[in-house]
């Protein structure tokens, strides 16, 4: 089964778009300890609300000090840095992050990175979301706490249209 490591952003934004469960059963989804800690602070009742399929893996202090990530990532938060490090350690298939700098760094170190918009498009491409569901999820994501430029949103809308031509 595939392995996907997530940072905090998609786990906050996909529920706002009612699209988090599109990920259920698609891979082994793992968050590092720093992300789990952030989610506990940001989401009331996170311990009860955390999906059972979302696994938590704490990094040892030695693992958490990846020198390449530290050198590249001066502005990343603990969650993003640990997610990139964990994705490298697990040889993850994807890193899910809505942080542009984290995506850029992930790609520099050889990771395939996607964000919440990409998850919705992937859900449509794999048949996990129908056209109406995917379109509604995109619209909800646009109204969520995730900032999406008009240009990027329109590109996603066009890509969704092409998937259902």
N, C-alpha and C. Protein backbone atom coordinates (compact mmCIF):
# COMPACT_ATOMS: atom_id res chain seq x y z
N UNK A 1 0.84 -1.18 0.00
CA UNK A 1 0.00 0.00 0.00
C UNK A 1 0.89 1.24 0.00
N UNK A 2 0.42 2.29 -0.61
CA UNK A 2 1.13 3.55 -0.66
C UNK A 2 1.21 4.20 0.72
N UNK A 3 2.21 5.05 0.88
CA UNK A 3 2.37 5.82 2.12
C UNK A 3 2.29 7.30 1.77
N UNK A 4 1.46 8.03 2.51
CA UNK A 4 1.30 9.46 2.34
C UNK A 4 1.51 10.11 3.70
N UNK A 5 2.39 11.10 3.73
CA UNK A 5 2.62 11.85 4.97
C UNK A 5 1.94 13.20 4.82
N UNK A 6 1.24 13.63 5.86
CA UNK A 6 0.49 14.88 5.83
C UNK A 6 1.04 15.86 6.86
N UNK A 7 1.02 17.14 6.51
CA UNK A 7 1.25 18.14 7.54
C UNK A 7 -0.13 18.66 7.97
N UNK A 8 -0.15 19.70 8.73
CA UNK A 8 -1.39 20.16 9.36
C UNK A 8 -2.41 20.71 8.37
N UNK A 9 -1.96 21.46 7.37
CA UNK A 9 -2.88 22.18 6.48
C UNK A 9 -4.00 21.36 5.88
N UNK A 10 -3.70 20.29 5.14
CA UNK A 10 -4.78 19.53 4.52
C UNK A 10 -5.75 18.91 5.53
N UNK A 11 -5.25 18.59 6.72
CA UNK A 11 -6.13 17.99 7.72
C UNK A 11 -7.07 19.05 8.31
N UNK A 12 -6.68 20.31 8.22
CA UNK A 12 -7.58 21.41 8.61
C UNK A 12 -8.52 21.78 7.48
N UNK A 13 -8.00 21.87 6.25
CA UNK A 13 -8.78 22.42 5.13
C UNK A 13 -9.71 21.42 4.47
N UNK A 14 -9.29 20.18 4.33
CA UNK A 14 -10.17 19.20 3.67
C UNK A 14 -11.48 18.98 4.42
N UNK A 15 -11.51 18.93 5.76
CA UNK A 15 -12.81 18.83 6.43
C UNK A 15 -13.70 20.06 6.18
N UNK A 16 -13.08 21.23 6.03
CA UNK A 16 -13.86 22.43 5.72
C UNK A 16 -14.53 22.30 4.35
N UNK A 17 -13.94 21.51 3.48
CA UNK A 17 -14.51 21.26 2.15
C UNK A 17 -15.32 19.96 2.14
N UNK A 18 -15.50 19.36 3.31
CA UNK A 18 -16.18 18.07 3.45
C UNK A 18 -15.56 17.03 2.51
N UNK A 19 -14.20 16.99 2.49
CA UNK A 19 -13.51 16.11 1.56
C UNK A 19 -12.40 15.29 2.20
N UNK A 20 -12.25 15.31 3.51
CA UNK A 20 -11.16 14.55 4.13
C UNK A 20 -11.33 13.05 3.91
N UNK A 21 -12.55 12.58 3.97
CA UNK A 21 -12.77 11.13 3.85
C UNK A 21 -12.49 10.57 2.47
N UNK A 22 -12.24 11.44 1.48
CA UNK A 22 -11.85 10.95 0.16
C UNK A 22 -10.52 10.20 0.27
N UNK A 23 -9.75 10.48 1.32
CA UNK A 23 -8.46 9.84 1.51
C UNK A 23 -8.57 8.47 2.20
N UNK A 24 -9.66 8.23 2.89
CA UNK A 24 -9.80 7.00 3.67
C UNK A 24 -9.60 5.76 2.81
N UNK A 25 -8.71 4.89 3.25
CA UNK A 25 -8.47 3.63 2.57
C UNK A 25 -7.61 3.71 1.32
N UNK A 26 -7.20 4.90 0.93
CA UNK A 26 -6.43 5.05 -0.30
C UNK A 26 -4.95 4.77 -0.11
N UNK A 27 -4.47 4.87 1.12
CA UNK A 27 -3.04 4.69 1.42
C UNK A 27 -2.91 4.61 2.93
N UNK A 28 -1.69 4.41 3.39
CA UNK A 28 -1.39 4.57 4.80
C UNK A 28 -1.08 6.05 5.00
N UNK A 29 -1.92 6.76 5.74
CA UNK A 29 -1.75 8.18 5.97
C UNK A 29 -1.12 8.38 7.34
N UNK A 30 -0.01 9.11 7.35
CA UNK A 30 0.79 9.27 8.56
C UNK A 30 1.05 10.75 8.80
N UNK A 31 0.95 11.16 10.06
CA UNK A 31 1.37 12.51 10.46
C UNK A 31 2.46 12.36 11.50
N UNK A 32 3.42 13.29 11.48
CA UNK A 32 4.44 13.27 12.53
C UNK A 32 3.87 13.83 13.83
N UNK A 33 4.60 13.61 14.91
CA UNK A 33 4.16 14.07 16.22
C UNK A 33 3.89 15.56 16.28
N UNK A 34 4.72 16.37 15.63
CA UNK A 34 4.51 17.82 15.67
C UNK A 34 3.17 18.21 15.05
N UNK A 35 2.76 17.50 14.01
CA UNK A 35 1.46 17.78 13.38
C UNK A 35 0.33 17.36 14.33
N UNK A 36 0.47 16.20 14.94
CA UNK A 36 -0.52 15.75 15.91
C UNK A 36 -0.67 16.80 17.02
N UNK A 37 0.44 17.32 17.51
CA UNK A 37 0.40 18.34 18.57
C UNK A 37 -0.30 19.62 18.08
N UNK A 38 0.00 20.04 16.84
CA UNK A 38 -0.65 21.23 16.28
C UNK A 38 -2.15 21.01 16.14
N UNK A 39 -2.55 19.82 15.69
CA UNK A 39 -3.97 19.53 15.50
C UNK A 39 -4.71 19.52 16.84
N UNK A 40 -4.08 19.03 17.88
CA UNK A 40 -4.69 19.05 19.22
C UNK A 40 -4.95 20.48 19.67
N UNK A 41 -4.05 21.39 19.32
CA UNK A 41 -4.22 22.79 19.70
C UNK A 41 -5.27 23.49 18.84
N UNK A 42 -5.35 23.13 17.57
CA UNK A 42 -6.20 23.85 16.63
C UNK A 42 -7.64 23.32 16.52
N UNK A 43 -7.83 22.04 16.78
CA UNK A 43 -9.15 21.43 16.58
C UNK A 43 -9.68 20.95 17.93
N UNK A 44 -10.72 21.61 18.43
CA UNK A 44 -11.31 21.16 19.70
C UNK A 44 -11.76 19.70 19.58
N UNK A 45 -11.42 18.91 20.58
CA UNK A 45 -11.82 17.51 20.58
C UNK A 45 -11.10 16.66 19.55
N UNK A 46 -9.90 17.05 19.14
CA UNK A 46 -9.16 16.32 18.11
C UNK A 46 -9.00 14.85 18.45
N UNK A 47 -8.76 14.52 19.69
CA UNK A 47 -8.56 13.11 20.07
C UNK A 47 -9.75 12.25 19.67
N UNK A 48 -10.97 12.79 19.81
CA UNK A 48 -12.17 12.04 19.41
C UNK A 48 -12.43 12.12 17.92
N UNK A 49 -12.07 13.23 17.32
CA UNK A 49 -12.42 13.48 15.92
C UNK A 49 -11.40 12.93 14.93
N UNK A 50 -10.19 12.62 15.40
CA UNK A 50 -9.14 12.13 14.50
C UNK A 50 -9.61 10.85 13.81
N UNK A 51 -9.54 10.81 12.48
CA UNK A 51 -9.94 9.59 11.77
C UNK A 51 -9.05 8.41 12.19
N UNK A 52 -9.65 7.25 12.32
CA UNK A 52 -8.90 6.05 12.73
C UNK A 52 -7.80 5.70 11.73
N UNK A 53 -8.00 6.05 10.46
CA UNK A 53 -7.03 5.69 9.42
C UNK A 53 -5.83 6.64 9.38
N UNK A 54 -5.86 7.69 10.18
CA UNK A 54 -4.74 8.63 10.23
C UNK A 54 -3.79 8.20 11.35
N UNK A 55 -2.60 7.77 10.96
CA UNK A 55 -1.63 7.24 11.91
C UNK A 55 -0.68 8.34 12.36
N UNK A 56 -0.18 8.23 13.58
CA UNK A 56 0.76 9.20 14.13
C UNK A 56 2.09 8.49 14.35
N UNK A 57 3.16 9.12 13.89
CA UNK A 57 4.50 8.57 14.13
C UNK A 57 5.40 9.67 14.65
N UNK A 58 5.83 9.51 15.86
CA UNK A 58 6.74 10.48 16.47
C UNK A 58 8.16 10.19 16.03
N UNK A 59 8.87 11.24 15.69
CA UNK A 59 10.27 11.11 15.31
C UNK A 59 11.12 11.15 16.57
N UNK A 60 12.20 10.40 16.56
CA UNK A 60 13.16 10.50 17.65
C UNK A 60 13.86 11.86 17.52
N UNK A 61 14.52 12.30 18.58
CA UNK A 61 15.21 13.59 18.50
C UNK A 61 16.29 13.57 17.42
N UNK A 62 16.91 12.43 17.23
CA UNK A 62 17.93 12.31 16.18
C UNK A 62 17.29 12.39 14.79
N UNK A 63 16.17 11.69 14.58
CA UNK A 63 15.48 11.72 13.29
C UNK A 63 14.96 13.11 12.96
N UNK A 64 14.54 13.84 13.97
CA UNK A 64 13.96 15.17 13.76
C UNK A 64 14.96 16.23 13.37
N UNK A 65 16.23 15.89 13.35
CA UNK A 65 17.27 16.87 13.04
C UNK A 65 17.90 16.60 11.68
N UNK A 66 17.07 16.43 10.67
CA UNK A 66 17.55 16.20 9.30
C UNK A 66 18.31 17.44 8.84
N UNK A 67 19.63 17.35 8.65
CA UNK A 67 20.44 18.54 8.31
C UNK A 67 20.05 19.17 6.97
N UNK A 68 19.63 18.36 6.03
CA UNK A 68 19.24 18.91 4.72
C UNK A 68 18.00 19.78 4.88
N UNK A 69 17.00 19.28 5.61
CA UNK A 69 15.78 20.04 5.82
C UNK A 69 16.08 21.31 6.62
N UNK A 70 16.89 21.20 7.65
CA UNK A 70 17.24 22.38 8.46
C UNK A 70 17.93 23.44 7.60
N UNK A 71 18.79 23.02 6.70
CA UNK A 71 19.51 23.96 5.84
C UNK A 71 18.56 24.64 4.85
N UNK A 72 17.62 23.88 4.29
CA UNK A 72 16.72 24.41 3.28
C UNK A 72 15.55 25.19 3.88
N UNK A 73 15.13 24.80 5.06
CA UNK A 73 13.86 25.27 5.59
C UNK A 73 14.02 26.24 6.75
N UNK A 74 14.34 27.44 6.47
CA UNK A 74 14.49 28.45 7.52
C UNK A 74 13.14 28.96 8.02
N UNK A 75 12.14 28.92 7.16
CA UNK A 75 10.84 29.51 7.51
C UNK A 75 9.75 28.48 7.80
N UNK A 76 10.03 27.20 7.68
CA UNK A 76 8.99 26.20 7.92
C UNK A 76 8.69 26.06 9.41
N UNK A 77 7.45 25.74 9.69
CA UNK A 77 7.07 25.42 11.06
C UNK A 77 7.49 24.00 11.39
N UNK A 78 7.35 23.64 12.65
CA UNK A 78 7.75 22.31 13.11
C UNK A 78 6.98 21.22 12.38
N UNK A 79 5.68 21.42 12.15
CA UNK A 79 4.88 20.41 11.48
C UNK A 79 5.33 20.13 10.06
N UNK A 80 5.58 21.20 9.30
CA UNK A 80 6.03 21.03 7.92
C UNK A 80 7.40 20.36 7.87
N UNK A 81 8.33 20.83 8.72
CA UNK A 81 9.68 20.26 8.72
C UNK A 81 9.66 18.79 9.10
N UNK A 82 8.88 18.44 10.13
CA UNK A 82 8.80 17.03 10.52
C UNK A 82 8.11 16.19 9.46
N UNK A 83 7.10 16.75 8.80
CA UNK A 83 6.40 16.00 7.76
C UNK A 83 7.34 15.67 6.60
N UNK A 84 8.15 16.64 6.19
CA UNK A 84 9.11 16.39 5.11
C UNK A 84 10.13 15.35 5.55
N UNK A 85 10.63 15.49 6.76
CA UNK A 85 11.61 14.53 7.28
C UNK A 85 11.01 13.13 7.35
N UNK A 86 9.80 13.02 7.87
CA UNK A 86 9.15 11.72 7.98
C UNK A 86 8.87 11.12 6.60
N UNK A 87 8.45 11.94 5.67
CA UNK A 87 8.20 11.46 4.31
C UNK A 87 9.47 10.88 3.70
N UNK A 88 10.58 11.53 3.96
CA UNK A 88 11.87 11.01 3.47
C UNK A 88 12.22 9.69 4.16
N UNK A 89 12.04 9.64 5.47
CA UNK A 89 12.37 8.42 6.21
C UNK A 89 11.52 7.23 5.77
N UNK A 90 10.24 7.49 5.49
CA UNK A 90 9.32 6.42 5.10
C UNK A 90 9.32 6.15 3.59
N UNK A 91 10.10 6.94 2.84
CA UNK A 91 10.07 6.87 1.39
C UNK A 91 8.63 6.97 0.89
N UNK A 92 7.95 8.00 1.39
CA UNK A 92 6.52 8.19 1.10
C UNK A 92 6.28 8.44 -0.38
N UNK A 93 5.11 8.02 -0.83
CA UNK A 93 4.70 8.26 -2.21
C UNK A 93 4.31 9.72 -2.43
N UNK A 94 3.70 10.33 -1.40
CA UNK A 94 3.27 11.72 -1.47
C UNK A 94 3.54 12.41 -0.14
N UNK A 95 3.69 13.70 -0.22
CA UNK A 95 3.60 14.58 0.94
C UNK A 95 2.41 15.48 0.69
N UNK A 96 1.49 15.54 1.64
CA UNK A 96 0.36 16.46 1.52
C UNK A 96 0.63 17.69 2.36
N UNK A 97 0.64 18.84 1.72
CA UNK A 97 0.86 20.11 2.40
C UNK A 97 0.23 21.23 1.60
N UNK A 98 -0.32 22.20 2.29
CA UNK A 98 -0.85 23.38 1.62
C UNK A 98 0.13 24.54 1.70
N UNK A 99 1.30 24.30 2.21
CA UNK A 99 2.33 25.33 2.36
C UNK A 99 3.22 25.33 1.11
N UNK A 100 3.27 26.45 0.41
CA UNK A 100 4.03 26.53 -0.85
C UNK A 100 5.52 26.28 -0.63
N UNK A 101 6.09 26.83 0.45
CA UNK A 101 7.51 26.61 0.71
C UNK A 101 7.78 25.14 1.02
N UNK A 102 6.91 24.52 1.79
CA UNK A 102 7.08 23.10 2.10
C UNK A 102 7.02 22.25 0.83
N UNK A 103 6.10 22.58 -0.09
CA UNK A 103 6.02 21.84 -1.35
C UNK A 103 7.31 22.02 -2.16
N UNK A 104 7.82 23.24 -2.20
CA UNK A 104 9.04 23.49 -2.96
C UNK A 104 10.22 22.72 -2.37
N UNK A 105 10.36 22.73 -1.06
CA UNK A 105 11.46 22.00 -0.42
C UNK A 105 11.29 20.51 -0.62
N UNK A 106 10.06 20.02 -0.48
CA UNK A 106 9.81 18.59 -0.69
C UNK A 106 10.25 18.18 -2.09
N UNK A 107 9.92 18.97 -3.07
CA UNK A 107 10.31 18.64 -4.44
C UNK A 107 11.82 18.70 -4.61
N UNK A 108 12.49 19.63 -3.93
CA UNK A 108 13.95 19.71 -4.00
C UNK A 108 14.62 18.44 -3.46
N UNK A 109 13.99 17.81 -2.47
CA UNK A 109 14.58 16.60 -1.88
C UNK A 109 13.97 15.33 -2.46
N UNK A 110 13.25 15.46 -3.57
CA UNK A 110 12.76 14.29 -4.30
C UNK A 110 11.42 13.73 -3.88
N UNK A 111 10.62 14.52 -3.18
CA UNK A 111 9.29 14.05 -2.77
C UNK A 111 8.23 14.61 -3.70
N UNK A 112 7.21 13.82 -3.96
CA UNK A 112 6.06 14.31 -4.71
C UNK A 112 5.11 14.96 -3.72
N UNK A 113 4.81 16.23 -3.92
CA UNK A 113 3.99 16.98 -2.97
C UNK A 113 2.72 17.48 -3.63
N UNK A 114 1.63 17.42 -2.87
CA UNK A 114 0.32 17.89 -3.33
C UNK A 114 -0.36 18.61 -2.18
N UNK A 115 -1.35 19.43 -2.53
CA UNK A 115 -2.13 20.14 -1.52
C UNK A 115 -3.58 19.70 -1.54
N UNK A 116 -4.39 20.42 -0.80
CA UNK A 116 -5.82 20.08 -0.68
C UNK A 116 -6.53 20.13 -2.03
N UNK A 117 -6.20 21.11 -2.86
CA UNK A 117 -6.80 21.15 -4.21
C UNK A 117 -6.46 19.89 -4.98
N UNK A 118 -5.21 19.47 -4.88
CA UNK A 118 -4.77 18.26 -5.56
C UNK A 118 -5.50 17.02 -5.08
N UNK A 119 -5.82 16.98 -3.80
CA UNK A 119 -6.56 15.83 -3.25
C UNK A 119 -7.95 15.76 -3.89
N UNK A 120 -8.60 16.89 -4.01
CA UNK A 120 -9.94 16.89 -4.62
C UNK A 120 -9.86 16.47 -6.09
N UNK A 121 -8.88 16.99 -6.82
CA UNK A 121 -8.72 16.59 -8.22
C UNK A 121 -8.37 15.10 -8.32
N UNK A 122 -7.51 14.62 -7.43
CA UNK A 122 -7.17 13.19 -7.40
C UNK A 122 -8.43 12.37 -7.11
N UNK A 123 -9.25 12.82 -6.17
CA UNK A 123 -10.49 12.11 -5.86
C UNK A 123 -11.40 12.00 -7.07
N UNK A 124 -11.46 13.07 -7.86
CA UNK A 124 -12.26 13.05 -9.08
C UNK A 124 -11.64 12.12 -10.12
N UNK A 125 -10.32 12.19 -10.27
CA UNK A 125 -9.63 11.39 -11.28
C UNK A 125 -9.72 9.90 -10.98
N UNK A 126 -9.80 9.53 -9.72
CA UNK A 126 -9.84 8.12 -9.34
C UNK A 126 -11.26 7.60 -9.13
N UNK A 127 -12.25 8.45 -9.33
CA UNK A 127 -13.64 8.02 -9.17
C UNK A 127 -14.13 8.02 -7.73
N UNK A 128 -13.33 8.53 -6.81
CA UNK A 128 -13.78 8.62 -5.42
C UNK A 128 -14.78 9.75 -5.24
N UNK A 129 -14.72 10.73 -6.15
CA UNK A 129 -15.69 11.83 -6.16
C UNK A 129 -16.28 11.93 -7.55
N UNK A 130 -17.59 12.06 -7.61
CA UNK A 130 -18.25 12.32 -8.88
C UNK A 130 -18.08 13.79 -9.26
N UNK A 131 -18.53 14.14 -10.44
CA UNK A 131 -18.34 15.50 -10.93
C UNK A 131 -19.00 16.53 -10.01
N UNK A 132 -20.24 16.30 -9.63
CA UNK A 132 -20.95 17.26 -8.78
C UNK A 132 -20.30 17.34 -7.40
N UNK A 133 -19.90 16.19 -6.86
CA UNK A 133 -19.25 16.18 -5.53
C UNK A 133 -17.92 16.93 -5.57
N UNK A 134 -17.14 16.67 -6.60
CA UNK A 134 -15.83 17.32 -6.72
C UNK A 134 -15.99 18.82 -6.91
N UNK A 135 -16.94 19.23 -7.74
CA UNK A 135 -17.18 20.65 -7.97
C UNK A 135 -17.61 21.33 -6.67
N UNK A 136 -18.51 20.70 -5.94
CA UNK A 136 -18.96 21.27 -4.66
C UNK A 136 -17.81 21.33 -3.66
N UNK A 137 -16.96 20.30 -3.64
CA UNK A 137 -15.82 20.30 -2.73
C UNK A 137 -14.85 21.43 -3.08
N UNK A 138 -14.60 21.65 -4.38
CA UNK A 138 -13.74 22.76 -4.80
C UNK A 138 -14.31 24.09 -4.32
N UNK A 139 -15.61 24.26 -4.49
CA UNK A 139 -16.25 25.52 -4.06
C UNK A 139 -16.15 25.70 -2.55
N UNK A 140 -16.36 24.63 -1.80
CA UNK A 140 -16.24 24.72 -0.33
C UNK A 140 -14.80 25.02 0.07
N UNK A 141 -13.85 24.41 -0.63
CA UNK A 141 -12.44 24.67 -0.32
C UNK A 141 -12.11 26.14 -0.60
N UNK A 142 -12.67 26.69 -1.65
CA UNK A 142 -12.46 28.10 -1.99
C UNK A 142 -12.96 29.01 -0.87
N UNK A 143 -14.02 28.58 -0.16
CA UNK A 143 -14.59 29.38 0.93
C UNK A 143 -14.00 29.02 2.30
N UNK A 144 -13.07 28.07 2.31
CA UNK A 144 -12.47 27.62 3.57
C UNK A 144 -11.41 28.60 4.06
N UNK A 145 -10.72 28.21 5.11
CA UNK A 145 -9.65 29.06 5.65
C UNK A 145 -8.37 28.98 4.81
N UNK A 146 -8.33 28.12 3.80
CA UNK A 146 -7.18 28.02 2.90
C UNK A 146 -7.25 29.16 1.88
N UNK A 147 -6.18 29.94 1.81
CA UNK A 147 -6.13 30.99 0.80
C UNK A 147 -5.77 30.36 -0.54
N UNK A 148 -6.60 30.61 -1.54
CA UNK A 148 -6.38 30.10 -2.89
C UNK A 148 -6.52 31.29 -3.84
N UNK A 149 -5.49 31.52 -4.64
CA UNK A 149 -5.58 32.63 -5.60
C UNK A 149 -6.65 32.32 -6.64
N UNK A 150 -7.18 33.35 -7.22
CA UNK A 150 -8.19 33.19 -8.28
C UNK A 150 -7.61 32.39 -9.44
N UNK A 151 -6.37 32.66 -9.79
CA UNK A 151 -5.73 31.95 -10.90
C UNK A 151 -5.64 30.46 -10.62
N UNK A 152 -5.17 30.09 -9.44
CA UNK A 152 -5.03 28.68 -9.09
C UNK A 152 -6.40 28.01 -9.01
N UNK A 153 -7.38 28.70 -8.45
CA UNK A 153 -8.73 28.13 -8.37
C UNK A 153 -9.30 27.88 -9.77
N UNK A 154 -9.13 28.83 -10.66
CA UNK A 154 -9.64 28.67 -12.03
C UNK A 154 -8.91 27.53 -12.76
N UNK A 155 -7.61 27.39 -12.52
CA UNK A 155 -6.87 26.26 -13.11
C UNK A 155 -7.42 24.93 -12.59
N UNK A 156 -7.72 24.87 -11.30
CA UNK A 156 -8.28 23.64 -10.73
C UNK A 156 -9.66 23.36 -11.32
N UNK A 157 -10.46 24.41 -11.47
CA UNK A 157 -11.80 24.25 -12.06
C UNK A 157 -11.68 23.72 -13.50
N UNK A 158 -10.74 24.27 -14.30
CA UNK A 158 -10.54 23.79 -15.67
C UNK A 158 -10.07 22.33 -15.68
N UNK A 159 -9.14 22.01 -14.78
CA UNK A 159 -8.64 20.63 -14.71
C UNK A 159 -9.78 19.68 -14.37
N UNK A 160 -10.64 20.09 -13.46
CA UNK A 160 -11.79 19.25 -13.10
C UNK A 160 -12.71 19.06 -14.32
N UNK A 161 -12.93 20.12 -15.04
CA UNK A 161 -13.75 20.02 -16.25
C UNK A 161 -13.18 19.04 -17.26
N UNK A 162 -11.87 19.06 -17.43
CA UNK A 162 -11.22 18.13 -18.37
C UNK A 162 -11.34 16.69 -17.91
N UNK A 163 -11.33 16.47 -16.59
CA UNK A 163 -11.48 15.10 -16.09
C UNK A 163 -12.82 14.49 -16.45
N UNK A 164 -13.84 15.34 -16.58
CA UNK A 164 -15.19 14.83 -16.83
C UNK A 164 -15.68 15.10 -18.24
N UNK A 165 -14.78 15.43 -19.17
CA UNK A 165 -15.18 15.66 -20.57
C UNK A 165 -15.65 14.37 -21.19
